[in-house]
C-alpha cells in the first residue's frame, strides 16, 4: 500500500512542511553542530540547564537486539506514546 499526500490530513501536510523547513537549517548528519547551535539547543530544552530527573516509576528493559528502553506504565492505559529521541 502506498500512501500519497491525498491520503494525509491537511494538519499532517502542514506539520510536514514546517518540519522540513526547520530541518533544512540543521547540520547534516555526521557533521558536528557549531558551539552556538549546541548552546541554543540546550537553552531551548525543557528545564533549561537543569539536569534531567530519573523518575522512580520508570522501568529499564532490554528488547531484542540488546536495545535499552525505559518504560513508563500508568495504572490505567488508554493509548500508547512512543518517544524516540535523536541523541546518542
Protein backbone atom coordinates (compact mmCIF):
# COMPACT_ATOMS: atom_id res chain seq x y z
CA UNK A 1 0.00 0.00 0.00
CA UNK A 2 1.37 3.38 -0.99
CA UNK A 3 0.33 6.48 0.95
CA UNK A 4 0.18 9.73 -1.00
CA UNK A 5 -0.40 13.35 0.01
CA UNK A 6 -4.07 12.90 -0.88
CA UNK A 7 -4.32 10.36 1.97
CA UNK A 8 -2.97 12.81 4.59
CA UNK A 9 -4.93 15.28 6.70
CA UNK A 10 -4.25 18.97 5.97
CA UNK A 11 -2.79 19.25 9.51
CA UNK A 12 -0.30 16.49 8.73
CA UNK A 13 0.75 18.14 5.48
CA UNK A 14 1.17 21.48 7.28
CA UNK A 15 3.25 19.86 10.01
CA UNK A 16 5.42 18.12 7.41
CA UNK A 17 6.10 21.44 5.66
CA UNK A 18 7.09 23.11 8.94
CA UNK A 19 9.27 20.15 9.89
CA UNK A 20 11.07 20.16 6.54
CA UNK A 21 11.71 23.91 6.81
CA UNK A 22 13.12 23.54 10.33
CA UNK A 23 15.21 20.51 9.37
CA UNK A 24 16.77 22.36 6.45
CA UNK A 25 18.56 24.71 8.85
CA UNK A 26 20.04 21.90 10.95
CA UNK A 27 23.51 20.46 10.42
CA UNK A 28 23.85 17.45 8.15
CA UNK A 29 24.10 14.02 9.77
CA UNK A 30 27.63 13.28 10.82
CA UNK A 31 28.50 16.99 10.88
CA UNK A 32 29.08 18.44 14.34
CA UNK A 33 26.85 21.43 15.14
CA UNK A 34 28.54 24.71 15.99
CA UNK A 35 29.02 25.74 19.61
CA UNK A 36 26.32 28.41 19.16
CA UNK A 37 23.82 25.83 17.84
CA UNK A 38 24.56 23.48 20.75
CA UNK A 39 24.09 26.30 23.26
CA UNK A 40 20.75 27.23 21.65
CA UNK A 41 19.52 23.63 21.73
CA UNK A 42 20.48 23.28 25.39
CA UNK A 43 18.69 26.53 26.32
CA UNK A 44 15.53 25.51 24.45
CA UNK A 45 15.03 22.12 26.08
CA UNK A 46 12.58 21.75 28.93
CA UNK A 47 14.22 22.75 32.18
CA UNK A 48 16.96 24.79 30.53
CA UNK A 49 20.24 23.84 32.18
CA UNK A 50 18.56 21.74 34.87
CA UNK A 51 19.76 18.12 34.71
CA UNK A 52 17.07 15.57 33.83
CA UNK A 53 15.32 13.74 36.68
CA UNK A 54 15.07 9.95 36.56
CA UNK A 55 11.51 9.13 37.58
CA UNK A 56 11.33 6.20 40.01
CA UNK A 57 8.34 4.52 38.31
CA UNK A 58 10.23 4.08 35.03
CA UNK A 59 11.41 0.55 34.32
CA UNK A 60 14.64 -0.13 32.42
CA UNK A 61 14.33 -3.02 29.98
CA UNK A 62 16.31 -4.56 27.14
CA UNK A 63 14.45 -5.60 23.99
CA UNK A 64 15.51 -7.72 21.03
CA UNK A 65 18.89 -6.74 19.65
CA UNK A 66 20.14 -5.55 23.07
CA UNK A 67 18.29 -2.23 22.70
CA UNK A 68 17.88 -0.49 26.06
CA UNK A 69 14.49 1.15 26.68
CA UNK A 70 12.85 2.87 29.65
CA UNK A 71 9.18 2.07 30.09
CA UNK A 72 6.51 4.01 31.99
CA UNK A 73 3.25 2.12 32.51
CA UNK A 74 0.35 4.04 34.10
CA UNK A 75 -2.29 2.39 36.30
CA UNK A 76 -4.86 2.87 33.53
CA UNK A 77 -3.85 2.63 29.86
CA UNK A 78 -5.84 4.50 27.18
CA UNK A 79 -3.19 4.52 24.47
CA UNK A 80 0.50 4.33 23.70
CA UNK A 81 3.12 7.04 23.27
CA UNK A 82 6.48 6.11 21.78
CA UNK A 83 9.27 8.66 22.05
CA UNK A 84 12.44 8.03 20.06
CA UNK A 85 14.97 10.79 20.54
CA UNK A 86 17.68 11.63 18.05
CA UNK A 87 20.51 11.79 20.52
CA UNK A 88 23.25 9.27 21.15
